[in-house]
Each structure stands twice: as structure tokens, then as C-alpha cells.
C-alpha atoms as a PDB file:
ATOM      1  CA  MET A   1      -9.044  24.863  24.811  1.00  0.00           C
ATOM      2  CA  GLY A   2      -6.112  24.294  27.123  1.00  0.00           C
ATOM      3  CA  LEU A   3      -2.664  25.728  26.806  1.00  0.00           C
ATOM      4  CA  PHE A   4      -0.925  22.439  26.121  1.00  0.00           C
ATOM      5  CA  ASN A   5      -3.516  20.810  23.837  1.00  0.00           C
ATOM      6  CA  SER A   6      -1.311  21.253  20.776  1.00  0.00           C
ATOM      7  CA  LEU A   7       1.509  19.420  22.542  1.00  0.00           C
ATOM      8  CA  ASN A   8      -0.829  16.606  23.599  1.00  0.00           C
ATOM      9  CA  ILE A   9      -2.256  16.224  20.091  1.00  0.00           C
ATOM     10  CA  SER A  10       1.201  16.218  18.508  1.00  0.00           C
ATOM     11  CA  GLY A  11       2.390  13.776  21.152  1.00  0.00           C
ATOM     12  CA  SER A  12      -0.381  11.329  20.256  1.00  0.00           C
ATOM     13  CA  ALA A  13       0.561  11.660  16.580  1.00  0.00           C
ATOM     14  CA  LEU A  14       4.237  11.033  17.399  1.00  0.00           C
ATOM     15  CA  THR A  15       3.288   7.824  19.193  1.00  0.00           C
ATOM     16  CA  ALA A  16       1.112   6.662  16.293  1.00  0.00           C
ATOM     17  CA  GLN A  17       3.755   7.445  13.656  1.00  0.00           C
ATOM     18  CA  ARG A  18       6.420   5.687  15.694  1.00  0.00           C
ATOM     19  CA  LEU A  19       4.261   2.564  15.708  1.00  0.00           C
ATOM     20  CA  ARG A  20       3.863   2.833  11.918  1.00  0.00           C
ATOM     21  CA  MET A  21       7.653   3.042  11.559  1.00  0.00           C
ATOM     22  CA  ASP A  22       8.131   0.027  13.849  1.00  0.00           C
ATOM     23  CA  VAL A  23       5.597  -2.076  11.916  1.00  0.00           C
ATOM     24  CA  ALA A  24       7.091  -1.116   8.528  1.00  0.00           C
ATOM     25  CA  SER A  25      10.569  -1.999   9.834  1.00  0.00           C
ATOM     26  CA  SER A  26       9.276  -5.345  11.080  1.00  0.00           C
ATOM     27  CA  ASN A  27       7.722  -6.029   7.684  1.00  0.00           C
ATOM     28  CA  MET A  28      11.002  -5.214   5.931  1.00  0.00           C
ATOM     29  CA  ALA A  29      12.968  -7.434   8.318  1.00  0.00           C
ATOM     30  CA  ASN A  30      10.640 -10.379   7.620  1.00  0.00           C
ATOM     31  CA  ALA A  31      10.335  -9.914   3.844  1.00  0.00           C
ATOM     32  CA  GLU A  32      11.999 -13.309   3.234  1.00  0.00           C
ATOM     33  CA  THR A  33      10.698 -15.242   6.267  1.00  0.00           C
ATOM     34  CA  THR A  34       9.015 -18.416   5.059  1.00  0.00           C
ATOM     35  CA  ARG A  35       8.387 -19.881   8.526  1.00  0.00           C
ATOM     36  CA  SER A  36       6.514 -17.419  10.697  1.00  0.00           C
ATOM     37  CA  GLN A  37       3.719 -19.338  12.375  1.00  0.00           C
ATOM     38  CA  MET A  38       2.383 -22.878  12.463  1.00  0.00           C
ATOM     39  CA  VAL A  39      -1.147 -23.345  11.074  1.00  0.00           C
ATOM     40  CA  ASP A  40      -2.704 -26.818  10.906  1.00  0.00           C
ATOM     41  CA  GLY A  41       0.694 -28.468  11.281  1.00  0.00           C
ATOM     42  CA  GLN A  42       2.302 -26.483   8.440  1.00  0.00           C
ATOM     43  CA  TRP A  43       4.509 -23.420   8.538  1.00  0.00           C
ATOM     44  CA  GLN A  44       3.052 -20.248   7.063  1.00  0.00           C
ATOM     45  CA  PRO A  45       5.118 -17.372   5.649  1.00  0.00           C
ATOM     46  CA  TYR A  46       5.197 -14.027   7.406  1.00  0.00           C
ATOM     47  CA  ARG A  47       2.097 -11.965   6.674  1.00  0.00           C
ATOM     48  CA  ARG A  48       2.453  -8.199   6.210  1.00  0.00           C
ATOM     49  CA  LYS A  49       1.085  -6.105   9.071  1.00  0.00           C
ATOM     50  CA  MET A  50      -0.536  -2.660   8.837  1.00  0.00           C
ATOM     51  CA  VAL A  51      -1.434  -0.055  11.459  1.00  0.00           C
ATOM     52  CA  VAL A  52      -4.990   1.288  11.568  1.00  0.00           C
ATOM     53  CA  LEU A  53      -5.116   4.895  12.798  1.00  0.00           C
ATOM     54  CA  GLN A  54      -8.242   6.726  13.864  1.00  0.00           C
ATOM     55  CA  PRO A  55      -9.091   9.976  15.602  1.00  0.00           C
ATOM     56  CA  GLN A  56      -9.590   9.801  19.334  1.00  0.00           C
ATOM     57  CA  GLY A  57     -12.984  11.469  18.901  1.00  0.00           C
ATOM     58  CA  THR A  58     -15.980  10.364  16.871  1.00  0.00           C
ATOM     59  CA  GLU A  59     -16.978  12.768  14.112  1.00  0.00           C
ATOM     60  CA  PHE A  60     -15.811  16.260  13.239  1.00  0.00           C
ATOM     61  CA  LYS A  61     -18.904  18.144  14.425  1.00  0.00           C
ATOM     62  CA  ALA A  62     -18.870  16.426  17.815  1.00  0.00           C
ATOM     63  CA  MET A  63     -15.114  16.862  18.134  1.00  0.00           C
ATOM     64  CA  LEU A  64     -15.365  20.592  17.329  1.00  0.00           C
ATOM     65  CA  ALA A  65     -18.117  21.130  19.913  1.00  0.00           C
ATOM     66  CA  HIS A  66     -16.122  19.141  22.463  1.00  0.00           C
ATOM     67  CA  ALA A  67     -12.938  21.136  21.767  1.00  0.00           C
ATOM     68  CA  GLN A  68     -14.758  24.436  22.284  1.00  0.00           C
ATOM     69  CA  THR A  69     -16.146  23.433  25.677  1.00  0.00           C
ATOM     70  CA  SER A  70     -13.539  21.112  27.134  1.00  0.00           C
ATOM     71  CA  ASP A  71      -9.870  21.144  28.036  1.00  0.00           C
ATOM     72  CA  LYS A  72      -9.457  17.479  27.164  1.00  0.00           C
ATOM     73  CA  PHE A  73      -7.338  16.977  24.070  1.00  0.00           C
ATOM     74  CA  SER A  74      -8.135  14.748  21.165  1.00  0.00           C
ATOM     75  CA  GLY A  75      -5.672  13.489  18.644  1.00  0.00           C
ATOM     76  CA  VAL A  76      -4.927  10.260  16.865  1.00  0.00           C
ATOM     77  CA  ARG A  77      -4.494   6.725  18.130  1.00  0.00           C
ATOM     78  CA  ALA A  78      -3.575   3.376  16.687  1.00  0.00           C
ATOM     79  CA  SER A  79      -6.725   1.315  16.994  1.00  0.00           C
ATOM     80  CA  ALA A  80      -5.275  -1.944  15.668  1.00  0.00           C
ATOM     81  CA  VAL A  81      -2.431  -3.687  13.912  1.00  0.00           C
ATOM     82  CA  VAL A  82      -4.010  -5.893  11.248  1.00  0.00           C
ATOM     83  CA  GLU A  83      -2.598  -8.461   8.859  1.00  0.00           C
ATOM     84  CA  ASP A  84      -2.751  -7.892   5.100  1.00  0.00           C
ATOM     85  CA  ASP A  85      -4.929 -10.518   3.405  1.00  0.00           C
ATOM     86  CA  GLN A  86      -3.111 -10.371   0.063  1.00  0.00           C
ATOM     87  CA  PRO A  87      -2.029 -13.819  -1.179  1.00  0.00           C
ATOM     88  CA  PHE A  88       1.504 -15.037  -0.657  1.00  0.00           C
ATOM     89  CA  LYS A  89       3.979 -14.838  -3.526  1.00  0.00           C
ATOM     90  CA  LEU A  90       5.094 -18.048  -5.221  1.00  0.00           C
ATOM     91  CA  ALA A  91       8.694 -18.523  -6.316  1.00  0.00           C
ATOM     92  CA  TYR A  92      10.163 -21.519  -8.099  1.00  0.00           C
ATOM     93  CA  GLN A  93      13.049 -22.659  -5.886  1.00  0.00           C
ATOM     94  CA  PRO A  94      13.164 -26.466  -5.899  1.00  0.00           C
ATOM     95  CA  ASP A  95      16.271 -26.547  -3.647  1.00  0.00           C
ATOM     96  CA  HIS A  96      14.605 -24.494  -0.889  1.00  0.00           C
ATOM     97  CA  PRO A  97      13.741 -26.503   2.275  1.00  0.00           C
ATOM     98  CA  ASP A  98      10.175 -25.116   2.272  1.00  0.00           C
ATOM     99  CA  ALA A  99       9.454 -25.938  -1.388  1.00  0.00           C
ATOM    100  CA  ASP A 100       6.345 -27.976  -2.144  1.00  0.00           C
ATOM    101  CA  ALA A 101       6.235 -31.048  -4.401  1.00  0.00           C
ATOM    102  CA  GLN A 102       6.267 -28.868  -7.541  1.00  0.00           C
ATOM    103  CA  GLY A 103       9.282 -26.866  -6.299  1.00  0.00           C
ATOM    104  CA  TYR A 104       7.408 -23.669  -5.408  1.00  0.00           C
ATOM    105  CA  VAL A 105       8.020 -21.749  -2.193  1.00  0.00           C
ATOM    106  CA  ARG A 106       5.401 -19.474  -0.670  1.00  0.00           C
ATOM    107  CA  LEU A 107       7.039 -16.156   0.202  1.00  0.00           C
ATOM    108  CA  PRO A 108       5.633 -13.369   2.408  1.00  0.00           C
ATOM    109  CA  ASN A 109       3.232 -10.833   0.908  1.00  0.00           C
ATOM    110  CA  VAL A 110       5.633  -8.006   1.786  1.00  0.00           C
ATOM    111  CA  ASP A 111       6.541  -5.558  -0.995  1.00  0.00           C
ATOM    112  CA  PRO A 112       9.755  -3.731   0.002  1.00  0.00           C
ATOM    113  CA  LEU A 113       8.858  -0.739  -2.181  1.00  0.00           C
ATOM    114  CA  LYS A 114       5.472  -0.362  -0.494  1.00  0.00           C
ATOM    115  CA  GLU A 115       7.130  -0.644   2.921  1.00  0.00           C
ATOM    116  CA  MET A 116       9.709   2.040   2.058  1.00  0.00           C
ATOM    117  CA  VAL A 117       6.950   4.409   0.928  1.00  0.00           C
ATOM    118  CA  ASP A 118       5.033   3.738   4.159  1.00  0.00           C
ATOM    119  CA  LEU A 119       8.198   4.246   6.183  1.00  0.00           C
ATOM    120  CA  MET A 120       8.958   7.543   4.425  1.00  0.00           C
ATOM    121  CA  SER A 121       5.376   8.736   4.948  1.00  0.00           C
ATOM    122  CA  ALA A 122       5.506   7.914   8.658  1.00  0.00           C
ATOM    123  CA  THR A 123       8.905   9.617   8.975  1.00  0.00           C
ATOM    124  CA  ARG A 124       7.631  12.794   7.292  1.00  0.00           C
ATOM    125  CA  SER A 125       4.554  12.856   9.524  1.00  0.00           C
ATOM    126  CA  TYR A 126       6.752  12.350  12.570  1.00  0.00           C
ATOM    127  CA  GLU A 127       9.009  15.236  11.500  1.00  0.00           C
ATOM    128  CA  ALA A 128       5.993  17.487  10.903  1.00  0.00           C
ATOM    129  CA  ASN A 129       4.685  16.823  14.395  1.00  0.00           C
ATOM    130  CA  VAL A 130       8.099  17.506  15.928  1.00  0.00           C
ATOM    131  CA  THR A 131       8.069  20.838  14.068  1.00  0.00           C
ATOM    132  CA  VAL A 132       4.625  21.616  15.495  1.00  0.00           C
ATOM    133  CA  MET A 133       5.836  20.821  19.008  1.00  0.00           C
ATOM    134  CA  ASN A 134       8.930  23.014  18.589  1.00  0.00           C
ATOM    135  CA  ALA A 135       6.812  25.887  17.230  1.00  0.00           C
ATOM    136  CA  ALA A 136       4.408  25.602  20.171  1.00  0.00           C
ATOM    137  CA  LYS A 137       7.328  25.525  22.595  1.00  0.00           C
ATOM    138  CA  GLY A 138       8.757  28.655  20.952  1.00  0.00           C
ATOM    139  CA  MET A 139       5.419  30.457  21.276  1.00  0.00           C
ATOM    140  CA  TYR A 140       5.160  29.482  24.942  1.00  0.00           C
ATOM    141  CA  MET A 141       8.675  30.810  25.559  1.00  0.00           C
ATOM    142  CA  LYS A 142       7.838  34.099  23.812  1.00  0.00           C
ATOM    143  CA  ALA A 143       4.677  34.407  25.899  1.00  0.00           C
ATOM    144  CA  LEU A 144       6.753  33.980  29.053  1.00  0.00           C
ATOM    145  CA  GLU A 145       9.114  36.757  27.885  1.00  0.00           C
ATOM    146  CA  ILE A 146       6.190  39.187  27.628  1.00  0.00           C
ATOM    147  CA  GLY A 147       5.875  39.168  31.424  1.00  0.00           C
ATOM    148  CA  ARG A 148       9.399  40.454  31.952  1.00  0.00           C
END
């Protein structure tokens, strides 16, 4: 295992958590957007997006054997940003420009509470990885002081 593997692994996690924060922020910003994309000649509301994270390796046993024999780091990566298939919310707003004949407007499937929880989770994970990087940096500095 290489000297800087912990920094590389934490760096990959920082990148992944930053993407989660960006996607959650985008979802919050578009929570009321009723015209996001045109489908079959009609505007569709914004659809919530989610980040899919996966390890950069395959399975734990293979990753452990690889880590013991190789200097290449593993970590986490964002494999995809997918759309949530939950149905849109309906709200009775007959004066809204996007209301149908019955006066209902289709609103995005974004739940602000769910987005805040996701944002807080990503922020905490980001902070934890920064702490890991600072601890590793401190250990490297102490190791350099031994040679004095």
C-alpha cells in the first residue's frame, strides 16, 4: 500500500460528495420549476436527480487482495446521475399558466426536506473526509520530523 493512498481515497470521496451537494442544490433550486423539458410537444416539470455512488473496485475480497499487492488506490466514484421516477405532484392552481383543463398543475417530484437531509449527509461525509486528509497530513509531517 502506497504512502499517499489514504489521500487519494479521501480525494475521490471528496469529489463524489461534492457532486452529491451540487445535485441536491440543483434539485432545491428547481423545486418549483414546471417547465423543464419538452416531451411530445408538452412541457414537463423538473424531475429530481440522484447520484449513484459505487466503489472503484468490484467486491471486498478482490479489493482487499488488490490493496495488499498493489500501490493503486481504490475509493469511491459517481457512476451515474439518475432521475427519480416518482410521480409528479398535483396542485390545484387554476390561475397558473401551466394548469390543465381541470385547473391542476403538475409540480416537480422534489421534496425539500429530503433534499436538505441529503445535503446534510453529503456535507457531513465531506467534512469527515477532510478530517481524514488533515490527520494523514499531520502523520506525514510527524514522520518527517523523526528524521531530524
